[in-house]
PDB file of all heavy atoms in Angstrom:
ATOM      1  N   PHE A   1       0.851  -1.184   0.000  1.00  0.00           N
ATOM      2  CA  PHE A   1       0.000   0.000   0.000  1.00  0.00           C
ATOM      3  C   PHE A   1       0.891   1.239   0.000  1.00  0.00           C
ATOM      4  O   PHE A   1       1.875   1.289   0.729  1.00  0.00           O
ATOM      5  CB  PHE A   1      -0.878   0.051   1.258  1.00  0.00           C
ATOM      6  CG  PHE A   1      -1.759  -1.146   1.427  1.00  0.00           C
ATOM      7  CD1 PHE A   1      -1.305  -2.265   2.109  1.00  0.00           C
ATOM      8  CD2 PHE A   1      -3.035  -1.154   0.917  1.00  0.00           C
ATOM      9  CE1 PHE A   1      -2.111  -3.372   2.270  1.00  0.00           C
ATOM     10  CE2 PHE A   1      -3.854  -2.250   1.073  1.00  0.00           C
ATOM     11  CZ  PHE A   1      -3.391  -3.363   1.752  1.00  0.00           C
ATOM     12  N   TRP A   2       0.515   2.238  -0.789  1.00  0.00           N
ATOM     13  CA  TRP A   2       1.267   3.490  -0.789  1.00  0.00           C
ATOM     14  C   TRP A   2       0.331   4.655  -1.092  1.00  0.00           C
ATOM     15  O   TRP A   2      -0.674   4.502  -1.763  1.00  0.00           O
ATOM     16  CB  TRP A   2       2.420   3.444  -1.794  1.00  0.00           C
ATOM     17  CG  TRP A   2       2.007   3.463  -3.237  1.00  0.00           C
ATOM     18  CD1 TRP A   2       1.960   4.544  -4.060  1.00  0.00           C
ATOM     19  CD2 TRP A   2       1.575   2.353  -4.036  1.00  0.00           C
ATOM     20  NE1 TRP A   2       1.528   4.182  -5.319  1.00  0.00           N
ATOM     21  CE2 TRP A   2       1.291   2.839  -5.332  1.00  0.00           C
ATOM     22  CE3 TRP A   2       1.401   0.992  -3.792  1.00  0.00           C
ATOM     23  CZ2 TRP A   2       0.850   2.025  -6.362  1.00  0.00           C
ATOM     24  CZ3 TRP A   2       0.952   0.177  -4.818  1.00  0.00           C
ATOM     25  CH2 TRP A   2       0.690   0.692  -6.077  1.00  0.00           C
ATOM     26  N   THR A   3       0.687   5.804  -0.536  1.00  0.00           N
ATOM     27  CA  THR A   3      -0.044   7.029  -0.858  1.00  0.00           C
ATOM     28  C   THR A   3       0.635   7.648  -2.062  1.00  0.00           C
ATOM     29  O   THR A   3       1.868   7.630  -2.178  1.00  0.00           O
ATOM     30  CB  THR A   3      -0.058   7.998   0.333  1.00  0.00           C
ATOM     31  OG1 THR A   3       1.282   8.252   0.736  1.00  0.00           O
ATOM     32  CG2 THR A   3      -0.837   7.416   1.491  1.00  0.00           C
ATOM     33  N   GLU A   4      -0.140   8.177  -2.958  1.00  0.00           N
ATOM     34  CA  GLU A   4       0.395   8.728  -4.199  1.00  0.00           C
ATOM     35  C   GLU A   4       1.030  10.096  -3.986  1.00  0.00           C
ATOM     36  O   GLU A   4       1.828  10.549  -4.764  1.00  0.00           O
ATOM     37  CB  GLU A   4      -0.735   8.801  -5.235  1.00  0.00           C
ATOM     38  CG  GLU A   4      -0.298   9.150  -6.620  1.00  0.00           C
ATOM     39  CD  GLU A   4       0.696   8.169  -7.221  1.00  0.00           C
ATOM     40  OE1 GLU A   4       0.669   6.981  -6.869  1.00  0.00           O
ATOM     41  OE2 GLU A   4       1.523   8.619  -8.028  1.00  0.00           O
ATOM     42  N   ASP A   5       0.681  10.765  -2.915  1.00  0.00           N
ATOM     43  CA  ASP A   5       1.149  12.120  -2.662  1.00  0.00           C
ATOM     44  C   ASP A   5       1.272  12.296  -1.152  1.00  0.00           C
ATOM     45  O   ASP A   5       0.743  11.511  -0.382  1.00  0.00           O
ATOM     46  CB  ASP A   5       0.123  13.106  -3.228  1.00  0.00           C
ATOM     47  CG  ASP A   5       0.660  14.516  -3.358  1.00  0.00           C
ATOM     48  OD1 ASP A   5       1.837  14.744  -3.031  1.00  0.00           O
ATOM     49  OD2 ASP A   5      -0.099  15.389  -3.789  1.00  0.00           O
ATOM     50  N   ASP A   6       1.967  13.336  -0.734  1.00  0.00           N
ATOM     51  CA  ASP A   6       1.998  13.653   0.695  1.00  0.00           C
ATOM     52  C   ASP A   6       0.630  14.187   1.109  1.00  0.00           C
ATOM     53  O   ASP A   6       0.075  15.047   0.445  1.00  0.00           O
ATOM     54  CB  ASP A   6       3.044  14.729   0.996  1.00  0.00           C
ATOM     55  CG  ASP A   6       4.450  14.198   0.894  1.00  0.00           C
ATOM     56  OD1 ASP A   6       4.616  12.977   1.011  1.00  0.00           O
ATOM     57  OD2 ASP A   6       5.364  14.999   0.695  1.00  0.00           O
ATOM     58  N   PHE A   7       0.102  13.681   2.198  1.00  0.00           N
ATOM     59  CA  PHE A   7      -1.182  14.148   2.702  1.00  0.00           C
ATOM     60  C   PHE A   7      -0.933  14.864   4.017  1.00  0.00           C
ATOM     61  O   PHE A   7      -0.506  14.255   4.984  1.00  0.00           O
ATOM     62  CB  PHE A   7      -2.144  12.972   2.905  1.00  0.00           C
ATOM     63  CG  PHE A   7      -2.602  12.377   1.621  1.00  0.00           C
ATOM     64  CD1 PHE A   7      -1.946  11.294   1.082  1.00  0.00           C
ATOM     65  CD2 PHE A   7      -3.660  12.932   0.938  1.00  0.00           C
ATOM     66  CE1 PHE A   7      -2.360  10.755  -0.121  1.00  0.00           C
ATOM     67  CE2 PHE A   7      -4.088  12.400  -0.264  1.00  0.00           C
ATOM     68  CZ  PHE A   7      -3.436  11.304  -0.796  1.00  0.00           C
ATOM     69  N   ALA A   8      -1.174  16.144   4.013  1.00  0.00           N
ATOM     70  CA  ALA A   8      -0.964  16.947   5.217  1.00  0.00           C
ATOM     71  C   ALA A   8      -2.107  16.691   6.190  1.00  0.00           C
ATOM     72  O   ALA A   8      -3.266  16.799   5.831  1.00  0.00           O
ATOM     73  CB  ALA A   8      -0.873  18.421   4.860  1.00  0.00           C
ATOM     74  N   GLN A   9      -1.774  16.321   7.409  1.00  0.00           N
ATOM     75  CA  GLN A   9      -2.764  16.048   8.450  1.00  0.00           C
ATOM     76  C   GLN A   9      -2.608  17.081   9.556  1.00  0.00           C
ATOM     77  O   GLN A   9      -1.497  17.402   9.970  1.00  0.00           O
ATOM     78  CB  GLN A   9      -2.566  14.636   9.019  1.00  0.00           C
ATOM     79  CG  GLN A   9      -2.657  13.555   7.990  1.00  0.00           C
ATOM     80  CD  GLN A   9      -4.008  13.500   7.290  1.00  0.00           C
ATOM     81  OE1 GLN A   9      -5.035  13.779   7.902  1.00  0.00           O
ATOM     82  NE2 GLN A   9      -4.009  13.178   6.026  1.00  0.00           N
ATOM     83  N   HIS A  10      -3.718  17.584  10.042  1.00  0.00           N
ATOM     84  CA  HIS A  10      -3.697  18.574  11.109  1.00  0.00           C
ATOM     85  C   HIS A  10      -3.599  17.852  12.452  1.00  0.00           C
ATOM     86  O   HIS A  10      -4.465  17.062  12.795  1.00  0.00           O
ATOM     87  CB  HIS A  10      -4.958  19.439  11.064  1.00  0.00           C
ATOM     88  CG  HIS A  10      -4.987  20.469  12.135  1.00  0.00           C
ATOM     89  ND1 HIS A  10      -4.238  21.625  12.060  1.00  0.00           N
ATOM     90  CD2 HIS A  10      -5.629  20.516  13.315  1.00  0.00           C
ATOM     91  CE1 HIS A  10      -4.442  22.342  13.145  1.00  0.00           C
ATOM     92  NE2 HIS A  10      -5.292  21.694  13.924  1.00  0.00           N
ATOM     93  N   PHE A  11      -2.539  18.101  13.168  1.00  0.00           N
ATOM     94  CA  PHE A  11      -2.348  17.538  14.498  1.00  0.00           C
ATOM     95  C   PHE A  11      -2.865  18.546  15.518  1.00  0.00           C
ATOM     96  O   PHE A  11      -2.462  19.701  15.508  1.00  0.00           O
ATOM     97  CB  PHE A  11      -0.868  17.246  14.763  1.00  0.00           C
ATOM     98  CG  PHE A  11      -0.398  15.955  14.179  1.00  0.00           C
ATOM     99  CD1 PHE A  11      -0.484  15.703  12.828  1.00  0.00           C
ATOM    100  CD2 PHE A  11       0.125  14.974  14.992  1.00  0.00           C
ATOM    101  CE1 PHE A  11      -0.054  14.510  12.289  1.00  0.00           C
ATOM    102  CE2 PHE A  11       0.556  13.764  14.465  1.00  0.00           C
ATOM    103  CZ  PHE A  11       0.472  13.533  13.117  1.00  0.00           C
ATOM    104  N   ALA A  12      -3.760  18.125  16.381  1.00  0.00           N
ATOM    105  CA  ALA A  12      -4.322  18.999  17.410  1.00  0.00           C
ATOM    106  C   ALA A  12      -3.408  18.974  18.635  1.00  0.00           C
ATOM    107  O   ALA A  12      -3.067  17.915  19.149  1.00  0.00           O
ATOM    108  CB  ALA A  12      -5.726  18.540  17.789  1.00  0.00           C
ATOM    109  N   ALA A  13      -3.014  20.142  19.079  1.00  0.00           N
ATOM    110  CA  ALA A  13      -2.108  20.240  20.229  1.00  0.00           C
ATOM    111  C   ALA A  13      -2.887  20.146  21.537  1.00  0.00           C
ATOM    112  O   ALA A  13      -4.089  20.396  21.588  1.00  0.00           O
ATOM    113  CB  ALA A  13      -1.349  21.561  20.189  1.00  0.00           C
ATOM    114  N   THR A  14      -2.185  19.793  22.590  1.00  0.00           N
ATOM    115  CA  THR A  14      -2.788  19.833  23.926  1.00  0.00           C
ATOM    116  C   THR A  14      -3.068  21.292  24.269  1.00  0.00           C
ATOM    117  O   THR A  14      -2.419  22.197  23.742  1.00  0.00           O
ATOM    118  CB  THR A  14      -1.853  19.187  24.968  1.00  0.00           C
ATOM    119  OG1 THR A  14      -0.583  19.832  24.895  1.00  0.00           O
ATOM    120  CG2 THR A  14      -1.673  17.710  24.709  1.00  0.00           C
ATOM    121  N   PRO A  15      -4.027  21.574  25.128  1.00  0.00           N
ATOM    122  CA  PRO A  15      -4.391  22.965  25.442  1.00  0.00           C
ATOM    123  C   PRO A  15      -3.176  23.802  25.863  1.00  0.00           C
ATOM    124  O   PRO A  15      -2.314  23.347  26.607  1.00  0.00           O
ATOM    125  CB  PRO A  15      -5.377  22.810  26.601  1.00  0.00           C
ATOM    126  CG  PRO A  15      -5.971  21.450  26.409  1.00  0.00           C
ATOM    127  CD  PRO A  15      -4.853  20.605  25.843  1.00  0.00           C
ATOM    128  N   GLY A  16      -3.123  25.008  25.306  1.00  0.00           N
ATOM    129  CA  GLY A  16      -2.043  25.928  25.631  1.00  0.00           C
ATOM    130  C   GLY A  16      -0.859  25.850  24.689  1.00  0.00           C
ATOM    131  O   GLY A  16       0.047  26.668  24.755  1.00  0.00           O
ATOM    132  N   LEU A  17      -0.840  24.872  23.792  1.00  0.00           N
ATOM    133  CA  LEU A  17       0.259  24.724  22.837  1.00  0.00           C
ATOM    134  C   LEU A  17      -0.269  24.947  21.415  1.00  0.00           C
ATOM    135  O   LEU A  17      -1.460  24.875  21.162  1.00  0.00           O
ATOM    136  CB  LEU A  17       0.890  23.332  22.957  1.00  0.00           C
ATOM    137  CG  LEU A  17       1.503  23.004  24.323  1.00  0.00           C
ATOM    138  CD1 LEU A  17       1.945  21.555  24.373  1.00  0.00           C
ATOM    139  CD2 LEU A  17       2.679  23.927  24.620  1.00  0.00           C
ATOM    140  N   VAL A  18       0.632  25.201  20.484  1.00  0.00           N
ATOM    141  CA  VAL A  18       0.258  25.476  19.092  1.00  0.00           C
ATOM    142  C   VAL A  18       0.253  24.168  18.310  1.00  0.00           C
ATOM    143  O   VAL A  18       1.206  23.396  18.376  1.00  0.00           O
ATOM    144  CB  VAL A  18       1.257  26.468  18.461  1.00  0.00           C
ATOM    145  CG1 VAL A  18       0.938  26.704  17.011  1.00  0.00           C
ATOM    146  CG2 VAL A  18       1.267  27.766  19.243  1.00  0.00           C
ATOM    147  N   SER A  19      -0.821  23.915  17.553  1.00  0.00           N
ATOM    148  CA  SER A  19      -0.876  22.707  16.726  1.00  0.00           C
ATOM    149  C   SER A  19      -0.145  22.955  15.414  1.00  0.00           C
ATOM    150  O   SER A  19       0.253  24.076  15.113  1.00  0.00           O
ATOM    151  CB  SER A  19      -2.326  22.314  16.476  1.00  0.00           C
ATOM    152  OG  SER A  19      -2.992  23.329  15.749  1.00  0.00           O
ATOM    153  N   GLU A  20       0.013  21.903  14.630  1.00  0.00           N
ATOM    154  CA  GLU A  20       0.727  22.027  13.369  1.00  0.00           C
ATOM    155  C   GLU A  20       0.178  21.057  12.338  1.00  0.00           C
ATOM    156  O   GLU A  20      -0.633  20.194  12.649  1.00  0.00           O
ATOM    157  CB  GLU A  20       2.228  21.787  13.580  1.00  0.00           C
ATOM    158  CG  GLU A  20       2.562  20.382  14.034  1.00  0.00           C
ATOM    159  CD  GLU A  20       4.041  20.212  14.316  1.00  0.00           C
ATOM    160  OE1 GLU A  20       4.857  20.788  13.599  1.00  0.00           O
ATOM    161  OE2 GLU A  20       4.359  19.483  15.251  1.00  0.00           O
ATOM    162  N   VAL A  21       0.654  21.215  11.114  1.00  0.00           N
ATOM    163  CA  VAL A  21       0.284  20.326  10.020  1.00  0.00           C
ATOM    164  C   VAL A  21       1.516  19.487   9.685  1.00  0.00           C
ATOM    165  O   VAL A  21       2.608  20.021   9.511  1.00  0.00           O
ATOM    166  CB  VAL A  21      -0.185  21.139   8.792  1.00  0.00           C
ATOM    167  CG1 VAL A  21      -0.418  20.224   7.613  1.00  0.00           C
ATOM    168  CG2 VAL A  21      -1.442  21.916   9.134  1.00  0.00           C
ATOM    169  N   ILE A  22       1.312  18.174   9.619  1.00  0.00           N
ATOM    170  CA  ILE A  22       2.421  17.254   9.366  1.00  0.00           C
ATOM    171  C   ILE A  22       2.089  16.418   8.136  1.00  0.00           C
ATOM    172  O   ILE A  22       0.975  15.905   8.011  1.00  0.00           O
ATOM    173  CB  ILE A  22       2.662  16.323  10.577  1.00  0.00           C
ATOM    174  CG1 ILE A  22       3.023  17.152  11.807  1.00  0.00           C
ATOM    175  CG2 ILE A  22       3.749  15.307  10.273  1.00  0.00           C
ATOM    176  CD1 ILE A  22       3.183  16.341  13.076  1.00  0.00           C
ATOM    177  N   ASN A  23       3.052  16.279   7.216  1.00  0.00           N
ATOM    178  CA  ASN A  23       2.882  15.399   6.062  1.00  0.00           C
ATOM    179  C   ASN A  23       3.140  13.965   6.502  1.00  0.00           C
ATOM    180  O   ASN A  23       4.194  13.655   7.055  1.00  0.00           O
ATOM    181  CB  ASN A  23       3.845  15.772   4.937  1.00  0.00           C
ATOM    182  CG  ASN A  23       3.437  17.052   4.246  1.00  0.00           C
ATOM    183  OD1 ASN A  23       2.268  17.420   4.264  1.00  0.00           O
ATOM    184  ND2 ASN A  23       4.382  17.730   3.641  1.00  0.00           N
ATOM    185  N   VAL A  24       2.169  13.108   6.255  1.00  0.00           N
ATOM    186  CA  VAL A  24       2.265  11.696   6.636  1.00  0.00           C
ATOM    187  C   VAL A  24       2.166  10.879   5.356  1.00  0.00           C
ATOM    188  O   VAL A  24       1.219  11.019   4.590  1.00  0.00           O
ATOM    189  CB  VAL A  24       1.119  11.320   7.602  1.00  0.00           C
ATOM    190  CG1 VAL A  24       1.202   9.861   7.978  1.00  0.00           C
ATOM    191  CG2 VAL A  24       1.173  12.199   8.844  1.00  0.00           C
ATOM    192  N   ARG A  25       3.162  10.035   5.115  1.00  0.00           N
ATOM    193  CA  ARG A  25       3.216   9.275   3.866  1.00  0.00           C
ATOM    194  C   ARG A  25       3.553   7.814   4.158  1.00  0.00           C
ATOM    195  O   ARG A  25       4.689   7.386   4.007  1.00  0.00           O
ATOM    196  CB  ARG A  25       4.262   9.900   2.971  1.00  0.00           C
ATOM    197  CG  ARG A  25       4.139   9.533   1.547  1.00  0.00           C
ATOM    198  CD  ARG A  25       5.054  10.372   0.732  1.00  0.00           C
ATOM    199  NE  ARG A  25       5.833   9.511  -0.118  1.00  0.00           N
ATOM    200  CZ  ARG A  25       6.734   9.926  -0.951  1.00  0.00           C
ATOM    201  NH1 ARG A  25       7.023  11.188  -1.023  1.00  0.00           N
ATOM    202  NH2 ARG A  25       7.378   9.084  -1.703  1.00  0.00           N
ATOM    203  N   PRO A  26       2.562   7.014   4.561  1.00  0.00           N
ATOM    204  CA  PRO A  26       2.859   5.619   4.902  1.00  0.00           C
ATOM    205  C   PRO A  26       3.105   4.741   3.680  1.00  0.00           C
ATOM    206  O   PRO A  26       2.557   4.966   2.611  1.00  0.00           O
ATOM    207  CB  PRO A  26       1.607   5.167   5.649  1.00  0.00           C
ATOM    208  CG  PRO A  26       0.525   6.027   5.122  1.00  0.00           C
ATOM    209  CD  PRO A  26       1.168   7.346   4.783  1.00  0.00           C
ATOM    210  N   ARG A  27       3.924   3.741   3.898  1.00  0.00           N
ATOM    211  CA  ARG A  27       4.144   2.631   2.962  1.00  0.00           C
ATOM    212  C   ARG A  27       3.914   1.378   3.792  1.00  0.00           C
ATOM    213  O   ARG A  27       4.550   1.195   4.828  1.00  0.00           O
ATOM    214  CB  ARG A  27       5.561   2.632   2.409  1.00  0.00           C
ATOM    215  CG  ARG A  27       5.937   3.897   1.661  1.00  0.00           C
ATOM    216  CD  ARG A  27       5.160   3.966   0.348  1.00  0.00           C
ATOM    217  NE  ARG A  27       5.615   5.036  -0.504  1.00  0.00           N
ATOM    218  CZ  ARG A  27       5.002   6.194  -0.644  1.00  0.00           C
ATOM    219  NH1 ARG A  27       3.940   6.452   0.080  1.00  0.00           N
ATOM    220  NH2 ARG A  27       5.428   7.092  -1.468  1.00  0.00           N
TER     221      ARG A  27
END
C-alpha cells in the first residue's frame, strides 16, 4: 500500500500549545 502524494494532516495540540500540520506518507 502506498499514498500517491503527501497528505498533510492537522495535528491537534494539547491545550495551551500550538498545533501544526504534518505530512504523513505511509508505505
